[in-house]
Amino acid sequence: MSVLITGGAGFIGSNLCDYLLAKGEQVICFDNFDPVYDKSIKLDNLKGALNHPNFKFIEGDILDKQSLNQKLNGESISEVIHLAARGGVRPSIDDPAIYYQINVMGTVHILEWMVSQKINKLIFASSSSVYGNSLNTPYHEEEHPLSPISPYASSKLAGEKLCETFNNLYQLDISCLRFFTAYGPRQRPGMGIQIFTEKMINQETIQLFGDGESSRDYTYIEDLLEGIFLAKQNLSGFNIYNLGSGLRIKLTKLIQTIEQDLKQKANISVKEKQLGDVDQTIANIDKAKKHLGYLPTHTINQGIHKYILWYKNKNDIL
């Protein structure tokens, strides 16, 4: 029996494919190569997995119900890790409809397909953005009500509610994992750490939106993968877990950390804060620690160092 990973050619998905293959699992990757960034990047993400005997790639779109059924029916799938989504807070403000199409209707299609195939175990990738600008930090899974401030965030919260509904209707075992600013090798183009690293190396100006006092809970990809695996091993009923580092890092501190690792100073241009950006995120990870045994180990310095080593190696930078 295989694990189906939707969105498996992206940053988190491709790393997860490699991680599960290393654990001896059978993996099916389902991805449509969304043109939000170049297909060649995703193919490069999969180059190791494609040569693995326990790996299968299926190109398809979660919005196409007929294709979804045709391509996946008949596969021996025991559980689904649903990562396929349109990411990004700021772009979602410009085009909310596409975010709801992919992140909400796409999730409906996956859930309906699972019921039709009698597959009852699902990991759903949610986001820390569902907490909005809550002042109750660190963010706890039981916080209510939630007030997301971007279409992306609200689409992820809608996905969680769909999962809860299908758990109530069909007793699917589902865990919704709220990821807190994942970073690391294969990070998708346009993300802050990738932009900052690239521009510093090329001695280009970094745009800093806001006063630099905003903060995030940055989660290194290896810690996130461990959390996903632990949640997969403990699927029972309906649950929501925060997966973060439990540490709050200011934007100015993040830039300083990259500067120190690269041993060069950033050129910074300060811009106005952008619509939809939350002021801070920080995870209370007590529930994941207690119920899953989740224990992130990477400090921001360690994670940034590993990422920069990967970036330099990939781009042949001495």
Protein backbone atom coordinates (compact mmCIF):
# COMPACT_ATOMS: atom_id res chain seq x y z
CA MET A 1 0.00 0.00 0.00
CA SER A 2 1.22 3.48 -0.90
CA VAL A 3 1.08 6.94 0.62
CA LEU A 4 -0.39 9.49 -1.79
CA ILE A 5 1.20 12.95 -1.57
CA THR A 6 -0.68 15.66 -3.44
CA GLY A 7 1.49 18.60 -4.40
CA GLY A 8 4.41 16.23 -4.03
CA ALA A 9 6.74 18.04 -6.45
CA GLY A 10 6.85 21.26 -4.43
CA PHE A 11 9.13 22.34 -1.60
CA ILE A 12 7.59 20.42 1.28
CA GLY A 13 6.16 17.65 -0.89
CA SER A 14 9.38 16.66 -2.64
CA ASN A 15 11.32 16.66 0.61
CA LEU A 16 8.57 14.53 2.14
CA CYS A 17 8.72 12.06 -0.77
CA ASP A 18 12.44 11.57 -0.15
CA TYR A 19 11.91 11.33 3.61
CA LEU A 20 9.23 8.62 3.36
CA LEU A 21 11.16 6.67 0.72
CA ALA A 22 14.12 6.63 3.11
CA LYS A 23 11.76 5.18 5.72
CA GLY A 24 10.97 2.31 3.34
CA GLU A 25 7.49 3.47 2.32
CA GLN A 26 5.80 3.25 -1.07
CA VAL A 27 5.05 6.77 -2.33
CA ILE A 28 2.79 8.11 -5.09
CA CYS A 29 3.36 11.77 -5.93
CA PHE A 30 0.44 13.62 -7.57
CA ASP A 31 1.19 17.09 -8.96
CA ASN A 32 -0.03 19.32 -11.80
CA PHE A 33 3.13 21.47 -12.12
CA ASP A 34 1.16 24.64 -11.35
CA PRO A 35 2.78 27.38 -13.46
CA VAL A 36 3.09 29.77 -10.50
CA TYR A 37 6.77 28.89 -10.83
CA ASP A 38 8.82 27.03 -13.41
CA LYS A 39 8.15 23.32 -13.97
CA SER A 40 11.88 22.62 -14.28
CA ILE A 41 12.36 23.52 -10.59
CA LYS A 42 9.83 20.90 -9.53
CA LEU A 43 11.30 18.29 -11.85
CA ASP A 44 14.67 19.00 -10.28
CA ASN A 45 13.08 18.54 -6.84
CA LEU A 46 12.02 15.03 -7.86
CA LYS A 47 15.17 13.89 -9.62
CA GLY A 48 16.25 11.64 -6.73
CA ALA A 49 12.82 10.14 -6.09
CA LEU A 50 12.14 9.40 -9.77
CA ASN A 51 14.92 6.80 -9.73
CA HIS A 52 13.60 5.05 -6.63
CA PRO A 53 11.83 1.71 -7.10
CA ASN A 54 9.18 2.56 -4.48
CA PHE A 55 8.22 5.87 -6.11
CA LYS A 56 5.57 6.64 -8.69
CA PHE A 57 4.77 10.03 -10.20
CA ILE A 58 1.33 10.85 -11.60
CA GLU A 59 0.73 14.20 -13.26
CA GLY A 60 -2.78 15.43 -12.54
CA ASP A 61 -4.91 18.26 -11.19
CA ILE A 62 -7.04 18.06 -8.04
CA LEU A 63 -9.53 20.45 -9.68
CA ASP A 64 -10.28 17.92 -12.44
CA LYS A 65 -12.53 15.35 -10.74
CA GLN A 66 -12.76 13.07 -13.77
CA SER A 67 -8.98 13.01 -14.25
CA LEU A 68 -8.46 12.53 -10.52
CA ASN A 69 -10.65 9.44 -10.58
CA GLN A 70 -9.18 8.04 -13.78
CA LYS A 71 -5.57 8.45 -12.71
CA LEU A 72 -5.83 7.38 -9.08
CA ASN A 73 -8.58 4.76 -9.02
CA GLY A 74 -7.03 1.32 -8.92
CA GLU A 75 -3.88 2.45 -7.12
CA SER A 76 -3.25 0.74 -3.78
CA ILE A 77 -3.35 3.77 -1.48
CA SER A 78 -3.67 3.51 2.30
CA GLU A 79 -3.46 7.20 3.25
CA VAL A 80 -3.24 10.68 1.79
CA ILE A 81 -1.03 13.63 2.68
CA HIS A 82 -2.74 16.59 1.05
CA LEU A 83 -0.20 19.34 0.39
CA ALA A 84 -1.48 20.56 -2.99
CA ALA A 85 -2.48 24.21 -2.64
CA ARG A 86 -1.92 27.70 -3.99
CA GLY A 87 0.42 29.33 -1.48
CA GLY A 88 1.19 32.94 -0.65
CA VAL A 89 -0.59 35.57 1.41
CA ARG A 90 -0.01 38.65 -0.76
CA PRO A 91 -0.96 37.13 -4.15
CA SER A 92 -4.19 35.80 -2.63
CA ILE A 93 -5.41 39.37 -2.12
CA ASP A 94 -5.09 40.03 -5.85
CA ASP A 95 -6.88 36.84 -6.91
CA PRO A 96 -8.99 35.34 -4.11
CA ALA A 97 -11.05 33.20 -6.48
CA ILE A 98 -8.18 30.99 -7.63
CA TYR A 99 -7.16 30.39 -4.01
CA TYR A 100 -10.66 29.22 -3.15
CA GLN A 101 -10.84 27.07 -6.27
CA ILE A 102 -7.60 25.23 -5.53
CA ASN A 103 -7.45 25.26 -1.74
CA VAL A 104 -11.13 24.69 -1.00
CA MET A 105 -12.71 22.95 -4.01
CA GLY A 106 -9.52 20.95 -4.57
CA THR A 107 -9.78 19.72 -0.98
CA VAL A 108 -13.45 18.84 -1.49
CA HIS A 109 -12.47 16.71 -4.49
CA ILE A 110 -9.76 14.90 -2.53
CA LEU A 111 -12.13 14.18 0.36
CA GLU A 112 -14.90 12.96 -1.97
CA TRP A 113 -12.45 10.74 -3.81
CA MET A 114 -11.19 9.27 -0.53
CA VAL A 115 -14.74 8.39 0.52
CA SER A 116 -15.41 6.77 -2.87
CA GLN A 117 -12.24 4.67 -2.54
CA LYS A 118 -12.79 3.85 1.15
CA ILE A 119 -9.48 5.51 2.13
CA ASN A 120 -9.93 6.86 5.63
CA LYS A 121 -6.61 8.42 6.67
CA LEU A 122 -5.60 11.97 5.77
CA ILE A 123 -3.00 14.55 6.73
CA PHE A 124 -4.13 18.04 5.68
CA ALA A 125 -1.54 20.81 5.34
CA SER A 126 -2.92 23.94 6.98
CA SER A 127 -1.13 27.16 7.94
CA SER A 128 -0.25 29.37 10.88
CA SER A 129 -1.91 32.19 8.91
CA VAL A 130 -5.33 30.96 10.13
CA TYR A 131 -4.62 32.71 13.45
CA GLY A 132 -4.62 36.15 11.80
CA ASN A 133 -3.35 38.93 14.02
CA SER A 134 -4.39 37.31 17.28
CA LEU A 135 -2.73 38.85 20.33
CA ASN A 136 -2.97 35.56 22.24
CA THR A 137 0.55 34.30 21.73
CA PRO A 138 1.96 31.73 21.46
CA TYR A 139 -0.86 30.48 19.24
CA HIS A 140 -2.78 27.53 20.65
CA GLU A 141 -4.86 25.07 18.61
CA GLU A 142 -7.92 25.66 20.80
CA GLU A 143 -8.07 29.40 20.13
CA HIS A 144 -11.53 30.53 19.06
CA PRO A 145 -12.77 32.39 17.12
CA LEU A 146 -10.07 32.65 14.45
CA SER A 147 -9.92 35.79 12.31
CA PRO A 148 -7.73 35.26 9.21
CA ILE A 149 -6.74 38.44 7.37
CA SER A 150 -6.04 37.13 3.86
CA PRO A 151 -7.94 34.98 1.36
CA TYR A 152 -5.13 32.42 1.55
CA ALA A 153 -5.52 32.14 5.32
CA SER A 154 -9.31 31.88 5.13
CA SER A 155 -9.06 29.21 2.41
CA LYS A 156 -6.87 27.12 4.71
CA LEU A 157 -9.31 27.53 7.58
CA ALA A 158 -12.12 26.47 5.23
CA GLY A 159 -10.07 23.38 4.37
CA GLU A 160 -9.80 22.51 8.05
CA LYS A 161 -13.55 22.83 8.46
CA LEU A 162 -14.16 20.57 5.47
CA CYS A 163 -11.88 17.98 7.05
CA GLU A 164 -13.79 18.19 10.31
CA THR A 165 -17.07 17.79 8.43
CA PHE A 166 -15.89 14.69 6.58
CA ASN A 167 -14.65 13.26 9.86
CA ASN A 168 -18.14 13.75 11.31
CA LEU A 169 -19.88 12.33 8.23
CA TYR A 170 -17.64 9.42 7.34
CA GLN A 171 -15.41 8.92 10.41
CA LEU A 172 -12.23 9.66 8.42
CA ASP A 173 -9.11 9.87 10.57
CA ILE A 174 -7.74 13.34 9.81
CA SER A 175 -5.05 15.54 11.30
CA CYS A 176 -4.77 19.16 10.17
CA LEU A 177 -1.22 20.42 10.60
CA ARG A 178 -0.71 24.16 10.92
CA PHE A 179 2.73 24.78 9.42
CA PHE A 180 4.68 27.77 10.73
CA THR A 181 6.89 29.41 8.04
CA ALA A 182 8.70 26.36 6.71
CA TYR A 183 12.11 26.94 5.14
CA GLY A 184 15.07 24.96 3.87
CA PRO A 185 16.41 23.31 0.71
CA ARG A 186 14.06 23.51 -2.33
CA GLN A 187 12.19 26.45 -0.82
CA ARG A 188 9.98 27.84 -3.55
CA PRO A 189 11.07 31.00 -5.39
CA GLY A 190 9.73 34.22 -3.94
CA MET A 191 10.00 33.26 -0.28
CA GLY A 192 11.80 35.67 2.04
CA ILE A 193 14.82 33.60 3.06
CA GLN A 194 15.51 32.61 -0.56
CA ILE A 195 15.18 36.23 -1.73
CA PHE A 196 17.37 37.61 1.05
CA THR A 197 20.09 35.01 0.47
CA GLU A 198 20.14 35.50 -3.29
CA LYS A 199 20.17 39.30 -3.13
CA MET A 200 22.91 39.44 -0.49
CA ILE A 201 25.12 37.08 -2.49
CA ASN A 202 24.54 39.21 -5.61
CA GLN A 203 24.98 42.46 -3.62
CA GLU A 204 21.50 43.62 -4.58
CA THR A 205 19.10 45.67 -2.46
CA ILE A 206 16.65 43.89 -0.17
CA GLN A 207 13.16 45.34 0.21
CA LEU A 208 12.14 45.34 3.86
CA PHE A 209 8.37 45.69 4.28
CA GLY A 210 7.54 47.43 7.54
CA ASP A 211 9.86 48.42 10.36
CA GLY A 212 11.53 45.01 10.70
CA GLU A 213 9.83 44.36 14.05
CA SER A 214 7.45 41.76 12.64
CA SER A 215 8.33 38.23 13.73
CA ARG A 216 7.80 34.66 12.59
CA ASP A 217 8.15 31.17 13.97
CA TYR A 218 10.53 29.69 11.36
CA THR A 219 10.41 25.91 11.04
CA TYR A 220 13.30 24.10 9.39
CA ILE A 221 12.16 21.51 6.84
CA GLU A 222 13.76 18.52 8.64
CA ASP A 223 11.80 19.31 11.80
CA LEU A 224 8.60 19.74 9.80
CA LEU A 225 9.06 16.41 8.03
CA GLU A 226 9.52 14.68 11.37
CA GLY A 227 6.32 16.29 12.61
CA ILE A 228 4.37 15.17 9.54
CA PHE A 229 5.68 11.62 9.93
CA LEU A 230 4.75 11.51 13.61
CA ALA A 231 1.24 12.80 12.81
CA LYS A 232 0.95 10.12 10.12
CA GLN A 233 1.88 7.45 12.68
CA ASN A 234 -0.78 8.70 15.09
CA LEU A 235 -3.82 9.25 12.87
CA SER A 236 -7.00 8.74 14.87
CA GLY A 237 -10.16 10.82 14.86
CA PHE A 238 -9.97 14.53 14.04
CA ASN A 239 -7.06 16.60 15.36
CA ILE A 240 -5.32 19.92 14.77
CA TYR A 241 -1.63 20.36 15.57
CA ASN A 242 0.74 23.30 15.38
CA LEU A 243 4.07 22.39 13.79
CA GLY A 244 6.56 25.16 14.47
CA SER A 245 9.79 25.72 16.34
CA GLY A 246 8.17 27.47 19.28
CA LEU A 247 10.63 30.36 18.81
CA ARG A 248 9.84 33.90 17.67
CA ILE A 249 12.41 35.51 15.35
CA LYS A 250 12.18 39.17 14.33
CA LEU A 251 12.67 40.02 10.68
CA THR A 252 15.73 42.12 11.55
CA LYS A 253 17.21 39.13 13.42
CA LEU A 254 16.58 36.86 10.43
CA ILE A 255 18.44 39.23 8.11
CA GLN A 256 21.30 39.53 10.60
CA THR A 257 21.54 35.74 10.79
CA ILE A 258 21.86 35.48 7.00
CA GLU A 259 24.40 38.32 7.00
CA GLN A 260 26.52 36.55 9.60
CA ASP A 261 26.48 33.25 7.75
CA LEU A 262 27.33 34.87 4.41
CA LYS A 263 29.81 37.25 6.08
CA GLN A 264 28.46 40.22 4.17
CA LYS A 265 26.18 43.18 4.87
CA ALA A 266 22.72 43.56 3.38
CA ASN A 267 21.68 46.64 1.42
CA ILE A 268 18.18 47.40 2.70
CA SER A 269 15.39 49.56 1.29
CA VAL A 270 12.49 50.06 3.74
CA LYS A 271 8.98 49.87 2.28
CA GLU A 272 5.49 50.16 3.76
CA LYS A 273 4.02 47.08 5.41
CA GLN A 274 2.02 45.04 2.92
CA LEU A 275 -1.67 44.26 3.14
CA GLY A 276 -2.44 40.81 4.54
CA ASP A 277 0.87 40.36 6.39
CA VAL A 278 0.42 39.39 10.04
CA ASP A 279 2.56 41.08 12.67
CA GLN A 280 3.79 37.92 14.34
CA THR A 281 3.49 34.16 14.51
CA ILE A 282 4.66 31.82 17.22
CA ALA A 283 3.45 28.29 17.88
CA ASN A 284 2.49 26.69 21.12
CA ILE A 285 3.71 23.16 20.30
CA ASP A 286 2.78 21.51 23.60
CA LYS A 287 -0.03 19.47 22.01
CA ALA A 288 2.23 18.08 19.27
CA LYS A 289 4.92 17.33 21.84
CA LYS A 290 2.50 15.52 24.14
CA HIS A 291 0.45 13.56 21.60
CA LEU A 292 2.96 13.03 18.79
CA GLY A 293 6.36 13.21 20.46
CA TYR A 294 7.23 16.17 18.20
CA LEU A 295 10.48 17.85 19.22
CA PRO A 296 12.05 20.34 16.77
CA THR A 297 15.82 20.63 17.15
CA HIS A 298 17.01 23.32 14.71
CA THR A 299 17.80 26.83 15.90
CA ILE A 300 17.47 29.61 13.33
CA ASN A 301 21.28 29.76 13.05
CA GLN A 302 21.53 26.04 12.33
CA GLY A 303 18.68 26.06 9.84
CA ILE A 304 19.96 29.12 7.96
CA HIS A 305 23.46 27.63 7.82
CA LYS A 306 22.15 24.39 6.31
CA TYR A 307 20.01 26.29 3.82
CA ILE A 308 22.86 28.53 2.68
CA LEU A 309 25.19 25.52 2.25
CA TRP A 310 22.54 23.90 0.04
CA TYR A 311 21.94 27.13 -1.92
CA LYS A 312 25.64 27.65 -2.58
CA ASN A 313 26.16 24.04 -3.62
CA LYS A 314 23.17 24.11 -5.96
CA ASN A 315 24.33 27.34 -7.60
CA ASP A 316 28.05 26.42 -7.68
CA ILE A 317 29.00 29.29 -5.37
CA LEU A 318 32.32 28.91 -3.57
